[in-house]
N, C-alpha and C. Protein backbone atom coordinates (compact mmCIF):
# COMPACT_ATOMS: atom_id res chain seq x y z
N UNK A 1 7.36 -9.92 0.79
CA UNK A 1 6.79 -10.54 -0.18
C UNK A 1 6.25 -9.56 -1.14
N UNK A 2 6.29 -9.91 -2.63
CA UNK A 2 5.79 -9.08 -3.49
C UNK A 2 4.35 -9.10 -3.92
N UNK A 3 3.51 -9.35 -2.99
CA UNK A 3 2.07 -9.71 -3.08
C UNK A 3 1.62 -11.05 -3.42
N UNK A 4 0.32 -11.31 -3.27
CA UNK A 4 -0.28 -12.65 -3.61
C UNK A 4 0.22 -13.34 -2.31
N UNK A 5 0.17 -12.82 -1.04
CA UNK A 5 0.58 -13.58 0.00
C UNK A 5 -0.77 -14.62 0.50
N UNK A 6 -1.79 -14.44 -0.10
CA UNK A 6 -2.99 -15.26 0.09
C UNK A 6 -3.33 -15.66 -1.33
N UNK A 7 -4.37 -16.60 -1.35
CA UNK A 7 -5.05 -16.79 -2.76
C UNK A 7 -6.23 -16.27 -2.85
N UNK A 8 -7.05 -15.90 -1.67
CA UNK A 8 -8.40 -15.37 -1.93
C UNK A 8 -8.53 -14.13 -0.81
N UNK A 9 -7.49 -13.69 -0.26
CA UNK A 9 -7.49 -12.42 0.52
C UNK A 9 -8.29 -12.48 1.94
N UNK A 10 -8.34 -13.87 2.31
CA UNK A 10 -9.14 -14.03 3.55
C UNK A 10 -8.39 -13.56 4.68
N UNK A 11 -8.85 -13.09 5.82
CA UNK A 11 -8.30 -12.66 7.03
C UNK A 11 -7.27 -13.67 7.48
N UNK A 12 -7.68 -14.94 7.50
CA UNK A 12 -7.17 -16.15 8.02
C UNK A 12 -5.78 -16.35 7.27
N UNK A 13 -5.85 -16.37 6.00
CA UNK A 13 -4.66 -16.43 5.14
C UNK A 13 -3.64 -15.50 5.40
N UNK A 14 -4.03 -14.22 5.27
CA UNK A 14 -3.22 -13.19 5.60
C UNK A 14 -2.50 -13.11 6.93
N UNK A 15 -3.26 -13.39 8.06
CA UNK A 15 -2.81 -13.52 9.29
C UNK A 15 -1.66 -14.54 9.48
N UNK A 16 -1.90 -15.68 8.83
CA UNK A 16 -1.00 -16.92 8.73
C UNK A 16 0.23 -16.42 8.13
N UNK A 17 0.26 -15.70 7.02
CA UNK A 17 1.35 -15.27 6.69
C UNK A 17 2.20 -14.17 7.48
N UNK A 18 1.43 -13.49 8.01
CA UNK A 18 2.08 -12.48 9.05
C UNK A 18 2.79 -13.28 10.27
N UNK A 19 2.23 -14.37 10.78
CA UNK A 19 2.78 -15.20 11.72
C UNK A 19 4.13 -15.96 11.35
N UNK A 20 4.06 -16.44 10.03
CA UNK A 20 5.04 -17.08 9.43
C UNK A 20 6.31 -16.24 9.36
N UNK A 21 6.08 -14.85 8.99
CA UNK A 21 7.11 -13.88 8.74
C UNK A 21 7.67 -13.59 10.21
N UNK A 22 6.80 -13.39 10.93
CA UNK A 22 7.32 -13.22 12.48
C UNK A 22 8.33 -14.46 12.98
N UNK A 23 7.80 -15.45 12.62
CA UNK A 23 8.79 -16.76 13.03
C UNK A 23 10.25 -16.70 12.42
N UNK A 24 10.31 -16.00 11.29
CA UNK A 24 11.48 -15.93 10.66
C UNK A 24 12.52 -14.94 11.43
N UNK A 25 11.97 -14.04 12.12
CA UNK A 25 12.64 -13.11 13.08
C UNK A 25 13.24 -11.90 12.04
N UNK A 26 12.71 -11.75 11.06
CA UNK A 26 13.36 -10.58 10.22
C UNK A 26 12.13 -9.57 9.94
N UNK A 27 12.39 -8.36 9.70
CA UNK A 27 11.25 -7.39 9.39
C UNK A 27 10.67 -7.89 8.16
N UNK A 28 9.46 -7.71 7.97
CA UNK A 28 8.61 -8.24 6.71
C UNK A 28 7.90 -6.94 6.02
N UNK A 29 8.37 -6.66 4.90
CA UNK A 29 7.80 -5.45 4.18
C UNK A 29 7.09 -6.02 2.85
N UNK A 30 5.74 -6.38 3.05
CA UNK A 30 5.09 -6.90 1.86
C UNK A 30 4.46 -5.89 1.04
N UNK A 31 4.18 -6.03 -0.21
CA UNK A 31 3.39 -5.44 -1.26
C UNK A 31 2.15 -6.07 -1.44
N UNK A 32 1.13 -5.48 -1.50
CA UNK A 32 -0.11 -6.06 -1.91
C UNK A 32 -0.30 -6.51 -3.26
N UNK A 33 -0.86 -7.76 -3.36
CA UNK A 33 -1.14 -8.24 -4.63
C UNK A 33 -2.80 -8.47 -4.79
N UNK A 34 -3.10 -8.74 -6.18
CA UNK A 34 -4.48 -8.96 -6.43
C UNK A 34 -5.23 -9.98 -5.73
N UNK A 35 -4.35 -10.91 -5.41
CA UNK A 35 -5.04 -12.14 -4.45
C UNK A 35 -5.32 -11.94 -3.09
N UNK A 36 -4.53 -10.67 -2.68
CA UNK A 36 -4.54 -10.36 -1.25
C UNK A 36 -5.86 -9.52 -0.85
N UNK A 37 -6.47 -9.10 -2.09
CA UNK A 37 -7.86 -8.42 -2.00
C UNK A 37 -9.04 -9.47 -1.78
N UNK A 38 -10.19 -9.01 -1.38
CA UNK A 38 -11.23 -9.99 -1.19
C UNK A 38 -11.92 -10.04 -2.59
N UNK A 39 -12.86 -10.88 -2.72
CA UNK A 39 -13.45 -11.08 -4.04
C UNK A 39 -14.23 -9.83 -4.66
N UNK A 40 -14.46 -8.84 -3.90
CA UNK A 40 -15.06 -7.50 -4.53
C UNK A 40 -13.87 -6.57 -4.78
N UNK A 41 -12.63 -7.01 -4.47
CA UNK A 41 -11.46 -6.07 -4.69
C UNK A 41 -11.11 -5.21 -3.65
N UNK A 42 -11.53 -5.33 -2.47
CA UNK A 42 -11.34 -4.65 -1.38
C UNK A 42 -10.25 -5.15 -0.60
N UNK A 43 -9.27 -4.06 -0.12
CA UNK A 43 -8.15 -4.35 0.42
C UNK A 43 -8.42 -4.31 1.96
N UNK A 44 -9.46 -4.18 2.61
CA UNK A 44 -9.70 -4.14 3.95
C UNK A 44 -9.15 -5.03 4.91
N UNK A 45 -9.21 -6.53 4.38
CA UNK A 45 -8.48 -7.73 5.10
C UNK A 45 -6.99 -7.45 5.15
N UNK A 46 -6.51 -6.99 4.06
CA UNK A 46 -4.93 -6.88 4.06
C UNK A 46 -4.68 -5.61 4.89
N UNK A 47 -5.45 -4.64 4.89
CA UNK A 47 -4.76 -3.50 5.59
C UNK A 47 -5.03 -3.63 7.19
N UNK A 48 -6.17 -4.53 7.50
CA UNK A 48 -6.27 -4.97 8.76
C UNK A 48 -5.09 -5.84 9.48
N UNK A 49 -4.72 -6.69 8.63
CA UNK A 49 -3.24 -7.56 9.08
C UNK A 49 -2.20 -6.73 8.82
N UNK A 50 -1.98 -5.82 7.87
CA UNK A 50 -0.84 -5.26 7.49
C UNK A 50 -1.08 -3.82 7.52
N UNK A 51 -1.23 -3.24 8.53
CA UNK A 51 -1.61 -1.70 8.56
C UNK A 51 -0.37 -0.90 8.01
N UNK A 52 -0.68 0.11 7.29
CA UNK A 52 0.25 1.05 6.69
C UNK A 52 1.35 0.30 5.73
N UNK A 53 0.70 -0.51 5.07
CA UNK A 53 1.61 -1.48 4.05
C UNK A 53 0.87 -1.45 2.56
N UNK A 54 0.30 -0.41 2.16
CA UNK A 54 -0.13 -0.17 0.99
C UNK A 54 0.90 0.66 0.06
N UNK A 55 1.15 1.76 0.50
CA UNK A 55 2.14 2.66 -0.26
C UNK A 55 3.02 3.13 0.89
N UNK A 56 4.35 2.63 0.92
CA UNK A 56 5.13 3.07 2.11
C UNK A 56 6.68 2.99 1.76
N UNK A 57 7.48 3.66 2.56
CA UNK A 57 8.89 3.69 2.19
C UNK A 57 9.51 3.22 3.64
N UNK A 58 10.62 2.55 3.45
CA UNK A 58 11.64 2.46 4.73
C UNK A 58 13.11 2.38 4.29
N UNK A 59 13.98 2.51 5.00
CA UNK A 59 15.36 2.55 4.67
C UNK A 59 16.07 1.51 5.59
N UNK A 60 16.98 0.87 4.89
CA UNK A 60 17.95 -0.29 5.49
C UNK A 60 19.26 -0.22 4.89
N UNK A 61 20.26 -0.05 5.82
CA UNK A 61 21.61 0.21 5.49
C UNK A 61 22.07 1.25 4.31
N UNK A 62 21.46 2.39 4.53
CA UNK A 62 21.55 3.39 3.48
C UNK A 62 20.78 3.34 2.20
N UNK A 63 20.05 2.30 2.04
CA UNK A 63 19.26 2.01 0.90
C UNK A 63 18.00 2.50 1.33
N UNK A 64 17.11 3.12 0.28
CA UNK A 64 15.73 3.52 0.49
C UNK A 64 14.77 2.72 -0.35
N UNK A 65 13.78 2.29 0.33
CA UNK A 65 12.79 1.36 -0.35
C UNK A 65 11.52 1.90 -0.72
N UNK A 66 11.05 1.84 -1.73
CA UNK A 66 9.49 2.29 -2.18
C UNK A 66 8.83 1.26 -2.45
N UNK A 67 7.64 0.94 -1.75
CA UNK A 67 6.75 -0.12 -1.91
C UNK A 67 5.56 0.42 -2.36
N UNK A 68 4.78 0.00 -3.47
CA UNK A 68 3.68 0.67 -3.96
C UNK A 68 2.42 -0.33 -4.18
N UNK A 69 1.27 0.09 -4.12
CA UNK A 69 0.02 -0.72 -4.15
C UNK A 69 -0.21 -0.53 -5.96
N UNK A 70 0.01 -1.60 -6.69
CA UNK A 70 -0.08 -1.55 -7.94
C UNK A 70 -1.47 -2.17 -8.61
N UNK A 71 -2.32 -2.59 -7.59
CA UNK A 71 -3.31 -3.39 -7.73
C UNK A 71 -4.35 -2.53 -8.46
N UNK A 72 -5.37 -3.02 -9.09
CA UNK A 72 -6.58 -2.41 -9.78
C UNK A 72 -7.65 -3.30 -9.58
N UNK A 73 -7.96 -3.45 -8.24
CA UNK A 73 -9.04 -4.40 -8.00
C UNK A 73 -8.65 -5.83 -8.11
N UNK A 74 -9.52 -6.78 -8.55
CA UNK A 74 -9.16 -8.27 -8.83
C UNK A 74 -8.82 -8.25 -10.12
N UNK A 75 -8.34 -7.21 -11.03
CA UNK A 75 -8.04 -7.33 -12.35
C UNK A 75 -6.62 -7.82 -12.33
N UNK A 76 -6.30 -8.82 -13.20
CA UNK A 76 -5.04 -9.57 -13.25
C UNK A 76 -4.30 -9.33 -14.57
N UNK A 77 -5.03 -8.78 -15.43
CA UNK A 77 -4.35 -8.36 -16.87
C UNK A 77 -4.96 -7.07 -17.41
N UNK A 78 -4.26 -6.49 -18.21
CA UNK A 78 -4.67 -5.05 -18.59
C UNK A 78 -5.10 -4.10 -17.61
N UNK A 79 -4.42 -4.29 -16.48
CA UNK A 79 -4.79 -3.41 -15.45
C UNK A 79 -4.18 -1.99 -15.53
N UNK A 80 -4.49 -1.22 -14.51
CA UNK A 80 -4.02 0.21 -14.41
C UNK A 80 -3.74 0.63 -13.09
N UNK A 81 -2.50 1.13 -12.84
CA UNK A 81 -2.15 1.46 -11.30
C UNK A 81 -3.18 2.89 -11.18
N UNK A 82 -3.78 2.64 -9.75
CA UNK A 82 -4.76 3.64 -9.67
C UNK A 82 -4.37 5.02 -9.27
N UNK A 83 -5.16 6.04 -9.31
CA UNK A 83 -4.64 7.39 -9.14
C UNK A 83 -4.24 7.60 -7.75
N UNK A 84 -4.84 6.89 -6.79
CA UNK A 84 -4.35 7.04 -5.29
C UNK A 84 -2.80 6.72 -5.01
N UNK A 85 -2.33 5.71 -5.97
CA UNK A 85 -0.98 5.43 -5.79
C UNK A 85 -0.14 6.50 -6.37
N UNK A 86 -0.57 7.09 -7.63
CA UNK A 86 0.08 7.98 -8.21
C UNK A 86 0.19 9.44 -7.26
N UNK A 87 -0.92 9.65 -6.65
CA UNK A 87 -1.10 10.89 -5.74
C UNK A 87 0.12 10.50 -4.58
N UNK A 88 0.12 9.43 -4.12
CA UNK A 88 0.83 9.11 -3.04
C UNK A 88 2.57 9.38 -3.60
N UNK A 89 2.85 8.70 -4.64
CA UNK A 89 4.00 8.85 -5.10
C UNK A 89 4.39 10.32 -5.30
N UNK A 90 3.70 11.05 -5.99
CA UNK A 90 3.81 12.70 -6.20
C UNK A 90 4.02 13.43 -4.81
N UNK A 91 3.41 12.77 -3.68
CA UNK A 91 3.67 13.63 -2.49
C UNK A 91 4.83 12.97 -1.90
N UNK A 92 5.16 11.83 -1.97
CA UNK A 92 6.30 11.17 -1.24
C UNK A 92 7.71 11.26 -1.96
N UNK A 93 7.77 11.04 -3.20
CA UNK A 93 9.17 10.79 -3.84
C UNK A 93 9.98 12.16 -3.54
N UNK A 94 9.38 13.39 -3.74
CA UNK A 94 10.18 14.54 -3.58
C UNK A 94 10.65 14.70 -2.15
N UNK A 95 10.16 13.83 -1.09
CA UNK A 95 10.66 13.94 0.25
C UNK A 95 11.82 13.04 0.42
N UNK A 96 12.15 12.25 -0.47
CA UNK A 96 13.28 11.17 -0.28
C UNK A 96 14.53 11.76 -0.76
N UNK A 97 15.74 11.09 -0.35
CA UNK A 97 17.04 11.48 -0.62
C UNK A 97 17.26 11.14 -2.04
N UNK A 98 17.78 12.05 -3.05
CA UNK A 98 17.78 11.83 -4.43
C UNK A 98 19.11 11.02 -4.82
N UNK A 99 20.04 11.27 -3.74
CA UNK A 99 21.22 10.43 -3.86
C UNK A 99 21.33 8.78 -3.33
N UNK A 100 20.57 8.56 -2.43
CA UNK A 100 20.48 7.35 -1.87
C UNK A 100 20.04 6.37 -2.76
N UNK A 101 20.79 5.21 -2.88
CA UNK A 101 20.44 3.95 -3.76
C UNK A 101 18.92 3.52 -3.33
N UNK A 102 18.18 3.55 -4.26
CA UNK A 102 16.85 3.24 -4.09
C UNK A 102 16.17 2.01 -4.78
N UNK A 103 15.14 1.26 -4.00
CA UNK A 103 14.62 0.23 -4.69
C UNK A 103 13.21 0.46 -4.76
N UNK A 104 12.44 0.07 -5.90
CA UNK A 104 11.04 0.08 -6.05
C UNK A 104 10.59 -1.40 -5.91
N UNK A 105 9.61 -1.58 -5.40
CA UNK A 105 8.95 -2.93 -5.08
C UNK A 105 7.51 -2.82 -5.19
N UNK A 106 6.83 -3.72 -6.03
CA UNK A 106 5.56 -3.66 -6.49
C UNK A 106 5.05 -5.02 -6.88
N UNK A 107 3.76 -5.38 -6.84
CA UNK A 107 3.26 -6.63 -7.20
C UNK A 107 3.27 -6.92 -8.85
N UNK A 108 2.76 -5.93 -9.53
CA UNK A 108 2.48 -6.06 -11.03
C UNK A 108 3.93 -5.76 -11.65
N UNK A 109 4.32 -6.44 -12.78
CA UNK A 109 5.56 -6.23 -13.22
C UNK A 109 5.41 -4.79 -14.01
N UNK A 110 6.78 -4.13 -13.85
CA UNK A 110 6.86 -2.64 -14.30
C UNK A 110 7.69 -2.76 -15.59
N UNK A 111 8.11 -3.65 -16.33
CA UNK A 111 8.44 -3.82 -17.44
C UNK A 111 7.43 -3.86 -18.54
N UNK A 112 7.30 -2.99 -19.36
CA UNK A 112 6.35 -2.84 -20.13
C UNK A 112 6.01 -4.18 -21.21
N UNK A 113 7.08 -4.91 -21.45
CA UNK A 113 7.15 -6.03 -22.51
C UNK A 113 7.06 -7.30 -21.72
N UNK A 114 6.86 -7.33 -20.20
CA UNK A 114 6.44 -8.48 -19.55
C UNK A 114 5.10 -8.76 -19.36
N UNK A 115 4.69 -9.76 -19.51
CA UNK A 115 3.25 -10.11 -19.59
C UNK A 115 2.64 -9.84 -18.19
N UNK A 116 1.44 -9.16 -18.16
CA UNK A 116 0.80 -8.63 -17.04
C UNK A 116 1.11 -7.30 -16.55
N UNK A 117 2.04 -6.58 -17.22
CA UNK A 117 2.46 -5.25 -16.91
C UNK A 117 1.16 -4.38 -16.88
N UNK A 118 0.93 -3.34 -16.04
CA UNK A 118 -0.27 -2.37 -16.16
C UNK A 118 0.12 -1.51 -17.15
N UNK A 119 -0.90 -0.96 -17.79
CA UNK A 119 -0.86 -0.26 -19.05
C UNK A 119 -0.17 1.18 -18.71
N UNK A 120 -0.21 1.57 -17.59
CA UNK A 120 0.28 2.89 -17.30
C UNK A 120 1.69 2.87 -16.41
N UNK A 121 2.56 1.70 -16.88
CA UNK A 121 3.75 1.36 -16.13
C UNK A 121 4.66 2.48 -16.22
N UNK A 122 4.68 3.12 -17.47
CA UNK A 122 5.77 4.18 -17.90
C UNK A 122 5.78 5.30 -16.84
N UNK A 123 4.36 5.61 -16.55
CA UNK A 123 3.82 6.83 -15.67
C UNK A 123 4.58 6.60 -14.21
N UNK A 124 4.70 5.34 -13.83
CA UNK A 124 5.36 5.24 -12.65
C UNK A 124 6.80 5.15 -12.67
N UNK A 125 7.40 4.55 -13.62
CA UNK A 125 8.88 4.67 -13.70
C UNK A 125 9.42 6.16 -13.98
N UNK A 126 8.79 6.87 -14.74
CA UNK A 126 9.39 8.25 -15.04
C UNK A 126 9.22 9.22 -13.76
N UNK A 127 8.36 8.76 -12.76
CA UNK A 127 8.43 9.51 -11.49
C UNK A 127 9.75 9.33 -10.75
N UNK A 128 10.51 8.36 -10.95
CA UNK A 128 11.66 7.97 -10.28
C UNK A 128 13.00 8.55 -10.97
N UNK A 129 12.68 9.59 -12.10
CA UNK A 129 13.89 9.95 -12.82
C UNK A 129 14.85 10.66 -11.93
N UNK A 130 14.32 11.25 -10.88
CA UNK A 130 15.19 12.22 -10.09
C UNK A 130 15.88 11.42 -8.92
N UNK A 131 15.39 10.34 -8.92
CA UNK A 131 16.01 9.58 -7.77
C UNK A 131 17.24 8.61 -8.34
N UNK A 132 18.00 7.91 -7.46
CA UNK A 132 19.10 7.06 -7.84
C UNK A 132 18.50 5.59 -7.91
N UNK A 133 17.53 5.24 -8.61
CA UNK A 133 16.77 4.07 -8.71
C UNK A 133 17.84 2.97 -9.09
N UNK A 134 18.03 2.08 -8.27
CA UNK A 134 18.96 0.85 -8.65
C UNK A 134 18.25 -0.48 -9.06
N UNK A 135 17.03 -0.59 -8.80
CA UNK A 135 16.48 -1.83 -9.07
C UNK A 135 14.94 -1.61 -8.81
N UNK A 136 14.01 -2.56 -9.68
CA UNK A 136 12.75 -2.61 -9.53
C UNK A 136 12.52 -4.03 -9.30
N UNK A 137 11.91 -4.68 -8.23
CA UNK A 137 11.39 -6.07 -8.13
C UNK A 137 9.97 -6.00 -8.04
N UNK A 138 9.42 -7.08 -8.88
CA UNK A 138 8.17 -7.12 -9.10
C UNK A 138 7.60 -8.70 -9.05
N UNK A 139 6.27 -8.81 -8.64
CA UNK A 139 5.80 -10.14 -8.66
C UNK A 139 4.74 -10.38 -9.72
N UNK A 140 3.63 -10.97 -9.32
CA UNK A 140 2.50 -11.58 -10.32
C UNK A 140 3.00 -12.34 -11.44
N UNK A 141 3.74 -11.98 -12.29
CA UNK A 141 4.34 -12.57 -13.51
C UNK A 141 5.16 -13.83 -12.88
N UNK A 142 4.60 -15.13 -12.73
CA UNK A 142 5.45 -16.20 -12.25
C UNK A 142 6.42 -16.69 -13.30
N UNK A 143 7.69 -15.98 -13.15
CA UNK A 143 8.71 -16.33 -14.14
C UNK A 143 9.89 -15.71 -13.66
N UNK A 144 11.07 -15.97 -13.94
CA UNK A 144 12.22 -15.30 -13.82
C UNK A 144 12.67 -14.49 -15.00
N UNK A 145 12.40 -13.06 -14.97
CA UNK A 145 12.73 -12.10 -15.92
C UNK A 145 13.51 -11.05 -15.44
N UNK A 146 14.48 -10.58 -16.48
CA UNK A 146 15.22 -9.40 -16.12
C UNK A 146 15.07 -8.55 -17.23
N UNK A 147 14.97 -7.24 -17.16
CA UNK A 147 14.76 -6.32 -18.29
C UNK A 147 15.74 -5.12 -17.95
N UNK A 148 16.67 -4.65 -18.69
CA UNK A 148 17.80 -3.67 -18.45
C UNK A 148 16.93 -2.22 -18.98
N UNK A 149 17.28 -1.49 -17.94
CA UNK A 149 16.75 -0.19 -18.19
C UNK A 149 17.78 0.84 -17.48
N UNK A 150 18.94 1.12 -18.09
CA UNK A 150 19.83 2.09 -17.50
C UNK A 150 19.54 3.00 -16.68
N UNK A 151 20.01 3.06 -15.37
CA UNK A 151 21.12 2.32 -14.84
C UNK A 151 20.59 1.06 -13.91
N UNK A 152 19.13 0.76 -14.12
CA UNK A 152 18.67 -0.42 -13.13
C UNK A 152 18.09 -1.59 -14.10
N UNK A 153 17.79 -2.57 -13.23
CA UNK A 153 17.06 -3.50 -13.87
C UNK A 153 15.55 -3.87 -13.41
N UNK A 154 14.67 -4.24 -14.10
CA UNK A 154 13.38 -4.61 -13.60
C UNK A 154 13.27 -6.16 -13.64
N UNK A 155 13.03 -6.84 -12.50
CA UNK A 155 13.09 -8.19 -12.27
C UNK A 155 11.81 -8.69 -11.64
N UNK A 156 11.50 -10.03 -12.18
CA UNK A 156 10.35 -10.92 -11.59
C UNK A 156 11.04 -11.99 -11.34
N UNK A 157 10.45 -12.75 -10.43
CA UNK A 157 10.89 -14.04 -9.93
C UNK A 157 9.62 -15.15 -9.92
N UNK A 158 10.11 -16.38 -10.19
CA UNK A 158 9.19 -17.50 -10.41
C UNK A 158 8.42 -17.68 -9.04
N UNK A 159 9.03 -17.27 -7.95
CA UNK A 159 8.23 -17.18 -6.81
C UNK A 159 8.10 -18.59 -5.97
N UNK A 160 7.37 -18.74 -4.91
CA UNK A 160 7.17 -19.89 -4.27
C UNK A 160 5.67 -20.44 -4.33
N UNK A 161 4.92 -19.70 -5.04
CA UNK A 161 3.56 -19.95 -5.10
C UNK A 161 3.15 -21.62 -5.33
N UNK A 162 2.55 -22.24 -4.46
CA UNK A 162 2.21 -23.58 -4.73
C UNK A 162 0.87 -23.75 -5.50
N UNK A 163 0.01 -22.75 -5.59
CA UNK A 163 -1.24 -22.66 -6.10
C UNK A 163 -1.37 -22.55 -7.75
N UNK A 164 -0.34 -21.76 -8.10
CA UNK A 164 -0.26 -21.44 -9.64
C UNK A 164 1.03 -21.89 -10.04
N UNK A 165 0.86 -22.36 -11.36
CA UNK A 165 2.10 -22.77 -12.01
C UNK A 165 2.92 -21.59 -12.54
N UNK A 166 4.03 -21.61 -12.99
CA UNK A 166 4.90 -20.57 -13.69
C UNK A 166 4.40 -20.34 -14.88
N UNK A 167 4.13 -18.82 -15.31
CA UNK A 167 3.51 -18.44 -16.51
C UNK A 167 4.37 -18.83 -17.65
N UNK A 168 5.59 -19.00 -17.60
CA UNK A 168 6.53 -19.20 -18.76
C UNK A 168 6.71 -20.69 -19.11
N UNK A 169 5.95 -21.50 -18.38
CA UNK A 169 6.04 -23.03 -18.69
C UNK A 169 7.11 -23.76 -17.93
N UNK A 170 8.07 -22.99 -17.38
CA UNK A 170 9.09 -23.66 -16.47
C UNK A 170 8.54 -24.40 -15.31
N UNK A 171 9.33 -25.12 -14.66
CA UNK A 171 8.89 -25.90 -13.53
C UNK A 171 9.28 -25.23 -12.21
N UNK A 172 10.46 -24.63 -12.12
CA UNK A 172 11.27 -24.37 -10.91
C UNK A 172 10.66 -23.20 -10.27
N UNK A 173 10.64 -23.39 -9.00
CA UNK A 173 10.21 -22.16 -7.96
C UNK A 173 11.15 -21.96 -7.24
N UNK A 174 11.08 -20.64 -6.47
CA UNK A 174 12.28 -20.26 -5.75
C UNK A 174 12.10 -18.79 -5.34
N UNK A 175 13.25 -18.24 -4.72
CA UNK A 175 13.12 -16.93 -4.50
C UNK A 175 14.39 -16.25 -4.63
N UNK A 176 14.57 -14.90 -4.52
CA UNK A 176 15.73 -14.22 -4.72
C UNK A 176 16.34 -13.65 -3.36
N UNK A 177 17.60 -13.80 -3.39
CA UNK A 177 18.31 -13.19 -2.15
C UNK A 177 19.24 -11.98 -2.76
N UNK A 178 19.03 -10.98 -2.30
CA UNK A 178 19.59 -9.78 -2.92
C UNK A 178 20.62 -9.05 -1.93
N UNK A 179 21.57 -8.43 -2.28
CA UNK A 179 22.57 -7.64 -1.48
C UNK A 179 22.92 -6.57 -2.23
N UNK A 180 22.87 -5.45 -1.48
CA UNK A 180 23.09 -4.13 -2.22
C UNK A 180 24.34 -3.56 -1.32
N UNK A 181 25.42 -3.06 -2.26
CA UNK A 181 26.68 -2.52 -1.65
C UNK A 181 26.55 -1.03 -1.47
N UNK A 182 27.43 -0.28 -0.76
CA UNK A 182 27.37 1.06 -0.61
C UNK A 182 27.34 1.94 -1.67
N UNK A 183 27.97 1.35 -2.83
CA UNK A 183 28.01 2.10 -4.05
C UNK A 183 26.82 1.98 -5.09
N UNK A 184 25.85 1.20 -4.57
CA UNK A 184 24.61 1.12 -5.15
C UNK A 184 24.55 -0.10 -6.25
N UNK A 185 25.39 -0.97 -6.10
CA UNK A 185 25.40 -2.28 -6.89
C UNK A 185 24.58 -3.17 -6.30
N UNK A 186 23.86 -4.01 -7.08
CA UNK A 186 22.92 -5.10 -6.48
C UNK A 186 23.39 -6.39 -7.11
N UNK A 187 23.53 -7.29 -6.08
CA UNK A 187 23.76 -8.87 -6.70
C UNK A 187 22.57 -9.43 -6.10
N UNK A 188 22.02 -10.42 -7.25
CA UNK A 188 20.93 -11.23 -6.93
C UNK A 188 21.28 -12.80 -7.02
N UNK A 189 20.80 -13.65 -6.28
CA UNK A 189 21.00 -14.95 -6.35
C UNK A 189 19.72 -15.53 -6.38
N UNK A 190 19.35 -16.46 -7.23
CA UNK A 190 18.09 -17.13 -7.32
C UNK A 190 18.26 -18.48 -6.29
N UNK A 191 17.41 -18.72 -5.47
CA UNK A 191 17.51 -19.77 -4.67
C UNK A 191 16.57 -20.95 -4.91
N UNK A 192 16.67 -21.95 -5.46
CA UNK A 192 15.53 -22.81 -5.88
C UNK A 192 14.87 -23.41 -4.80
N UNK A 193 13.70 -23.61 -4.90
CA UNK A 193 12.90 -24.32 -3.82
C UNK A 193 12.45 -25.64 -4.08
């Protein structure tokens, strides 16, 4: 999940999402969203349910994934990714395989021209210049968008949220199914809900 697993960041809502993901029988690698924080902007409920899932990496079938905390408290627009995330990126990215196809996942959209992108988006993306970044997948903006940034694309999805309408006025909800090939190509299929 690319964030906003809950609507108000309550322990009960977050624990329900963890239970539902376990029922699916697949690994679950969430990104924290602004609605996963409590009303004061604290991530304590989220980290209690999803320990070690703020800024982290994992590998799957030769692909490396970088998941970052792009939240700025409960701010939902005109936000800035915080210094602690940049410090983590600066310490972690040099330790990754520069040749392995890489995916960046985050809650806030990282295409500067997509509504609700943090004002310091470019500072995140330039940190990936020495990696084989093949795709950036983002949440928060409830709409299907694709921005091309050679050699990768930055994508948002309308999502499954039943509490909020799509930001672009469309009605369709759904999710993306993605597949990455050994040569670093990604295919995306939108599955309507």
